[in-house]
C-alpha atoms as a PDB file:
ATOM      1  CA  UNK A   1      62.392 112.400 139.344  1.00  0.00           C
ATOM      2  CA  UNK A   2      64.910 110.911 137.002  1.00  0.00           C
ATOM      3  CA  UNK A   3      63.580 108.405 134.789  1.00  0.00           C
ATOM      4  CA  UNK A   4      66.116 106.636 132.245  1.00  0.00           C
ATOM      5  CA  UNK A   5      64.671 103.856 130.095  1.00  0.00           C
ATOM      6  CA  UNK A   6      67.123 101.213 128.920  1.00  0.00           C
ATOM      7  CA  UNK A   7      66.465 102.489 125.176  1.00  0.00           C
ATOM      8  CA  UNK A   8      68.887 105.331 125.333  1.00  0.00           C
ATOM      9  CA  UNK A   9      67.471 107.170 122.300  1.00  0.00           C
ATOM     10  CA  UNK A  10      64.636 109.354 121.111  1.00  0.00           C
ATOM     11  CA  UNK A  11      62.287 108.165 123.622  1.00  0.00           C
ATOM     12  CA  UNK A  12      64.673 109.005 126.456  1.00  0.00           C
ATOM     13  CA  UNK A  13      64.443 112.755 125.429  1.00  0.00           C
ATOM     14  CA  UNK A  14      60.481 112.490 125.574  1.00  0.00           C
ATOM     15  CA  UNK A  15      60.910 111.046 129.182  1.00  0.00           C
ATOM     16  CA  UNK A  16      63.177 113.964 130.211  1.00  0.00           C
ATOM     17  CA  UNK A  17      60.661 116.403 128.724  1.00  0.00           C
ATOM     18  CA  UNK A  18      58.032 114.827 130.552  1.00  0.00           C
ATOM     19  CA  UNK A  19      59.795 114.750 133.902  1.00  0.00           C
ATOM     20  CA  UNK A  20      60.639 118.554 133.520  1.00  0.00           C
ATOM     21  CA  UNK A  21      56.893 119.084 132.960  1.00  0.00           C
ATOM     22  CA  UNK A  22      55.688 116.881 135.681  1.00  0.00           C
ATOM     23  CA  UNK A  23      58.380 118.318 138.144  1.00  0.00           C
END
């Protein structure tokens, strides 16, 4: 699962963390 929001900033880091946890 690769989620990459348009806002390439702090939110992206949270999304990556979430992705890893959900994975």
